[in-house]
Amino acid sequence: MNPPTPLVNRPPRATASPTARLARLTAALLLAASAAGCAPLLLGGAVISGGLVATDRRTTGTQVEDQSIELKAASRVRALSTLGHVNVVSYNRVVLITGEVPSDKEKAEVQAAVAAVENVKTVVNELAVLGNSSVGSRSNDTLLGAKVKATLVDAKDVQAHAFKVVAERGNIYLMGRVTEREAARGADLARSVGGVQKVVRVFEILSEEELAALSRTAPAPAPRP
């Protein structure tokens, strides 16, 4: 039997505030996504991804295609010279538009411009006809999105990497390729987070059989160094 480890007197550790812990969590999530080569494109909104390329339910080619769609859509929106605050996120060629524009006319123009991008399958237009959100509101959305993602990570009955979380004015948009069971559970978890005003599901629904087939064909994660 090994001898007991001697006790060493150490000064008490300072307890980080909830805000500090959340800030570290947000940084860790974004760093992990960036290190994996799949950091989401941020076009003024709060997008918390956290999915690794090796475990993403999209093919690698589709992930690259989604990034291309986002870049091209952003360019088209800028060309409109809209006065609004527009965010574009693509997942499996389904494009979510969030933010604010001054009029219904601009809302329709933005949708038409994004829909014209090559390889876009569907456009979900969640633009609000409102004044642009404040910097403070967008900062709150970043924290809220991080809280939702952390809640998904903590849950043991869902695969957090299957969800892309977009936060806008306290509303949470959930994207991903998930089963109906996962969609319902993910939405319930997001609703449980304080500060969430509404949860909008922007999912591609898979059958349990399709999910099982994806799991069998998914590439193995790269070995750790």
Protein backbone atom coordinates (compact mmCIF):
# COMPACT_ATOMS: atom_id res chain seq x y z
CA MET A 1 0.00 0.00 0.00
CA ASN A 2 1.31 3.44 -0.87
CA PRO A 3 1.96 5.75 2.08
CA PRO A 4 -0.64 8.48 2.54
CA THR A 5 0.05 11.73 0.77
CA PRO A 6 1.21 14.34 3.27
CA LEU A 7 -1.07 17.28 3.81
CA VAL A 8 0.28 20.63 2.69
CA ASN A 9 -1.14 23.85 4.00
CA ARG A 10 -2.14 26.04 1.10
CA PRO A 11 -3.90 29.41 1.10
CA PRO A 12 -7.61 29.12 0.29
CA ARG A 13 -8.38 29.45 -3.41
CA ALA A 14 -10.40 32.44 -4.45
CA THR A 15 -13.82 31.57 -5.82
CA ALA A 16 -14.43 33.08 -9.24
CA SER A 17 -17.60 35.05 -9.70
CA PRO A 18 -20.35 33.60 -11.95
CA THR A 19 -19.56 36.29 -14.53
CA ALA A 20 -15.85 35.39 -14.54
CA ARG A 21 -16.61 31.67 -14.86
CA LEU A 22 -18.98 32.33 -17.76
CA ALA A 23 -16.42 34.55 -19.48
CA ARG A 24 -13.83 31.76 -19.23
CA LEU A 25 -16.36 29.26 -20.54
CA THR A 26 -17.20 31.47 -23.52
CA ALA A 27 -13.53 31.90 -24.35
CA ALA A 28 -12.92 28.16 -24.03
CA LEU A 29 -15.81 27.29 -26.34
CA LEU A 30 -14.74 29.75 -29.01
CA LEU A 31 -11.09 28.66 -28.71
CA ALA A 32 -12.04 25.01 -29.06
CA ALA A 33 -14.10 25.71 -32.17
CA SER A 34 -11.32 27.82 -33.67
CA ALA A 35 -8.63 25.25 -32.92
CA ALA A 36 -10.73 22.59 -34.64
CA GLY A 37 -10.86 24.68 -37.80
CA CYS A 38 -14.61 25.20 -37.66
CA ALA A 39 -15.07 28.54 -35.97
CA PRO A 40 -18.42 30.03 -37.04
CA LEU A 41 -18.49 33.18 -39.10
CA LEU A 42 -19.53 36.08 -36.90
CA LEU A 43 -21.40 38.77 -38.80
CA GLY A 44 -22.42 40.92 -35.87
CA GLY A 45 -24.43 38.32 -33.98
CA ALA A 46 -23.72 35.72 -31.31
CA VAL A 47 -23.04 32.27 -32.74
CA ILE A 48 -21.78 29.56 -30.43
CA SER A 49 -20.76 26.49 -32.40
CA GLY A 50 -18.42 24.19 -30.51
CA GLY A 51 -18.76 21.32 -33.01
CA LEU A 52 -15.57 19.51 -34.03
CA VAL A 53 -15.00 18.72 -37.70
CA ALA A 54 -14.51 15.05 -36.83
CA THR A 55 -17.86 14.83 -35.05
CA ASP A 56 -19.92 17.23 -37.15
CA ARG A 57 -22.94 15.57 -38.72
CA ARG A 58 -22.24 17.39 -41.98
CA THR A 59 -19.65 16.14 -44.41
CA THR A 60 -16.40 18.08 -44.53
CA GLY A 61 -17.36 19.29 -48.00
CA THR A 62 -20.68 20.63 -46.72
CA GLN A 63 -18.96 22.44 -43.86
CA VAL A 64 -16.70 24.21 -46.35
CA GLU A 65 -19.71 24.95 -48.53
CA ASP A 66 -21.55 26.49 -45.58
CA GLN A 67 -18.61 28.79 -44.90
CA SER A 68 -18.59 29.82 -48.54
CA ILE A 69 -22.32 30.53 -48.45
CA GLU A 70 -21.88 32.75 -45.39
CA LEU A 71 -19.08 34.74 -47.01
CA LYS A 72 -20.94 35.22 -50.28
CA ALA A 73 -24.19 36.11 -48.51
CA ALA A 74 -22.40 38.67 -46.34
CA SER A 75 -20.92 40.25 -49.46
CA ARG A 76 -24.34 40.46 -51.13
CA VAL A 77 -25.91 42.00 -48.03
CA ARG A 78 -23.17 44.62 -47.82
CA ALA A 79 -23.73 45.45 -51.49
CA LEU A 80 -27.34 46.34 -50.66
CA SER A 81 -26.06 49.15 -48.40
CA THR A 82 -28.83 48.26 -45.96
CA LEU A 83 -29.03 50.37 -42.82
CA GLY A 84 -29.87 47.28 -40.81
CA HIS A 85 -27.86 44.90 -38.65
CA VAL A 86 -27.91 41.57 -40.47
CA ASN A 87 -26.45 38.20 -39.43
CA VAL A 88 -26.22 35.20 -41.75
CA VAL A 89 -25.54 31.62 -40.60
CA SER A 90 -25.58 28.55 -42.86
CA TYR A 91 -25.90 24.97 -41.67
CA ASN A 92 -26.16 22.17 -44.23
CA ARG A 93 -27.13 24.84 -46.82
CA VAL A 94 -30.07 26.03 -44.69
CA VAL A 95 -29.46 29.74 -44.16
CA LEU A 96 -30.74 31.60 -41.10
CA ILE A 97 -30.96 35.40 -41.31
CA THR A 98 -31.35 37.32 -38.04
CA GLY A 99 -31.00 40.92 -36.95
CA GLU A 100 -32.91 44.11 -37.65
CA VAL A 101 -33.77 46.17 -40.73
CA PRO A 102 -35.71 49.45 -41.02
CA SER A 103 -38.50 48.22 -43.31
CA ASP A 104 -40.28 45.22 -44.81
CA LYS A 105 -38.84 46.23 -48.18
CA GLU A 106 -35.28 45.79 -46.91
CA LYS A 107 -36.25 42.53 -45.22
CA ALA A 108 -37.43 41.15 -48.57
CA GLU A 109 -34.36 42.49 -50.39
CA VAL A 110 -31.99 40.82 -47.95
CA GLN A 111 -33.82 37.51 -48.28
CA ALA A 112 -33.72 37.67 -52.09
CA ALA A 113 -30.00 38.47 -52.07
CA VAL A 114 -29.18 35.56 -49.76
CA ALA A 115 -31.44 33.12 -51.61
CA ALA A 116 -29.57 33.91 -54.84
CA VAL A 117 -26.28 32.62 -53.42
CA GLU A 118 -25.15 29.41 -55.10
CA ASN A 119 -25.96 26.14 -53.26
CA VAL A 120 -28.42 27.71 -50.79
CA LYS A 121 -31.19 25.19 -50.18
CA THR A 122 -33.53 27.09 -47.84
CA VAL A 123 -33.66 30.57 -46.32
CA VAL A 124 -35.22 31.15 -42.89
CA ASN A 125 -35.78 34.89 -42.59
CA GLU A 126 -36.02 35.93 -38.94
CA LEU A 127 -35.16 39.60 -39.52
CA ALA A 128 -37.16 41.99 -37.36
CA VAL A 129 -38.35 45.37 -38.60
CA LEU A 130 -36.85 47.35 -35.74
CA GLY A 131 -34.08 49.76 -34.91
CA ASN A 132 -30.66 48.17 -34.69
CA SER A 133 -29.88 46.38 -31.43
CA SER A 134 -27.40 48.05 -29.09
CA VAL A 135 -23.87 46.90 -28.34
CA GLY A 136 -25.05 46.00 -24.85
CA SER A 137 -27.82 43.83 -26.25
CA ARG A 138 -25.39 42.00 -28.51
CA SER A 139 -23.00 41.42 -25.60
CA ASN A 140 -25.87 39.95 -23.60
CA ASP A 141 -26.67 37.68 -26.54
CA THR A 142 -23.09 36.41 -26.56
CA LEU A 143 -23.32 35.48 -22.88
CA LEU A 144 -26.79 33.98 -23.32
CA GLY A 145 -25.63 31.84 -26.23
CA ALA A 146 -22.68 30.62 -24.14
CA LYS A 147 -25.03 29.69 -21.29
CA VAL A 148 -27.26 27.71 -23.64
CA LYS A 149 -24.30 25.89 -25.16
CA ALA A 150 -22.93 25.12 -21.69
CA THR A 151 -26.32 23.71 -20.70
CA LEU A 152 -26.27 21.43 -23.74
CA VAL A 153 -22.72 20.33 -22.87
CA ASP A 154 -23.72 19.56 -19.28
CA ALA A 155 -26.71 17.45 -20.34
CA LYS A 156 -25.74 13.80 -20.64
CA ASP A 157 -28.63 12.79 -22.91
CA VAL A 158 -27.82 15.00 -25.94
CA GLN A 159 -24.75 15.45 -28.12
CA ALA A 160 -23.95 19.14 -27.76
CA HIS A 161 -21.80 19.21 -30.90
CA ALA A 162 -24.91 18.44 -32.98
CA PHE A 163 -26.38 21.87 -32.18
CA LYS A 164 -25.46 25.30 -33.48
CA VAL A 165 -26.73 28.06 -31.20
CA VAL A 166 -27.55 31.55 -32.46
CA ALA A 167 -28.65 34.26 -30.02
CA GLU A 168 -30.45 37.43 -31.09
CA ARG A 169 -32.24 39.92 -28.78
CA GLY A 170 -32.72 37.22 -26.16
CA ASN A 171 -34.12 34.74 -28.68
CA ILE A 172 -32.30 31.44 -29.20
CA TYR A 173 -32.20 29.79 -32.62
CA LEU A 174 -31.13 26.15 -32.68
CA MET A 175 -29.72 24.66 -35.88
CA GLY A 176 -28.43 21.18 -36.68
CA ARG A 177 -29.18 17.74 -38.04
CA VAL A 178 -30.98 16.03 -35.16
CA THR A 179 -33.71 13.54 -34.44
CA GLU A 180 -37.09 14.70 -33.17
CA ARG A 181 -36.11 13.39 -29.75
CA GLU A 182 -32.92 15.47 -29.77
CA ALA A 183 -34.74 18.52 -31.13
CA ALA A 184 -37.32 18.46 -28.35
CA ARG A 185 -34.73 17.89 -25.63
CA GLY A 186 -32.42 20.61 -26.98
CA ALA A 187 -35.28 23.11 -27.11
CA ASP A 188 -36.31 22.25 -23.54
CA LEU A 189 -32.74 22.73 -22.31
CA ALA A 190 -32.46 26.10 -24.07
CA ARG A 191 -35.77 27.27 -22.56
CA SER A 192 -34.49 26.39 -19.10
CA VAL A 193 -31.73 29.03 -19.31
CA GLY A 194 -32.56 32.28 -17.55
CA GLY A 195 -32.95 35.22 -19.89
CA VAL A 196 -34.07 33.23 -22.93
CA GLN A 197 -37.13 34.93 -24.40
CA LYS A 198 -38.01 32.43 -27.11
CA VAL A 199 -36.55 29.28 -28.68
CA VAL A 200 -36.85 28.85 -32.46
CA ARG A 201 -36.08 25.45 -33.97
CA VAL A 202 -34.28 25.59 -37.33
CA PHE A 203 -33.49 21.90 -37.52
CA GLU A 204 -33.13 19.30 -40.22
CA ILE A 205 -34.92 16.34 -38.65
CA LEU A 206 -33.33 12.90 -39.01
CA SER A 207 -34.89 9.56 -38.27
CA GLU A 208 -33.28 7.41 -35.60
CA GLU A 209 -32.17 5.07 -38.41
CA GLU A 210 -30.51 7.93 -40.30
CA LEU A 211 -28.70 9.01 -37.15
CA ALA A 212 -27.47 5.47 -36.54
CA ALA A 213 -26.18 5.33 -40.12
CA LEU A 214 -24.35 8.63 -39.65
CA SER A 215 -22.74 7.31 -36.47
CA ARG A 216 -21.48 4.22 -38.29
CA THR A 217 -19.91 6.24 -41.12
CA ALA A 218 -18.53 9.16 -39.06
CA PRO A 219 -14.72 9.42 -39.14
CA ALA A 220 -12.89 8.58 -35.93
CA PRO A 221 -11.54 11.58 -33.99
CA ALA A 222 -7.87 12.27 -34.51
CA PRO A 223 -5.64 10.76 -31.79
CA ARG A 224 -4.38 13.11 -29.14
CA PRO A 225 -0.67 13.96 -29.28
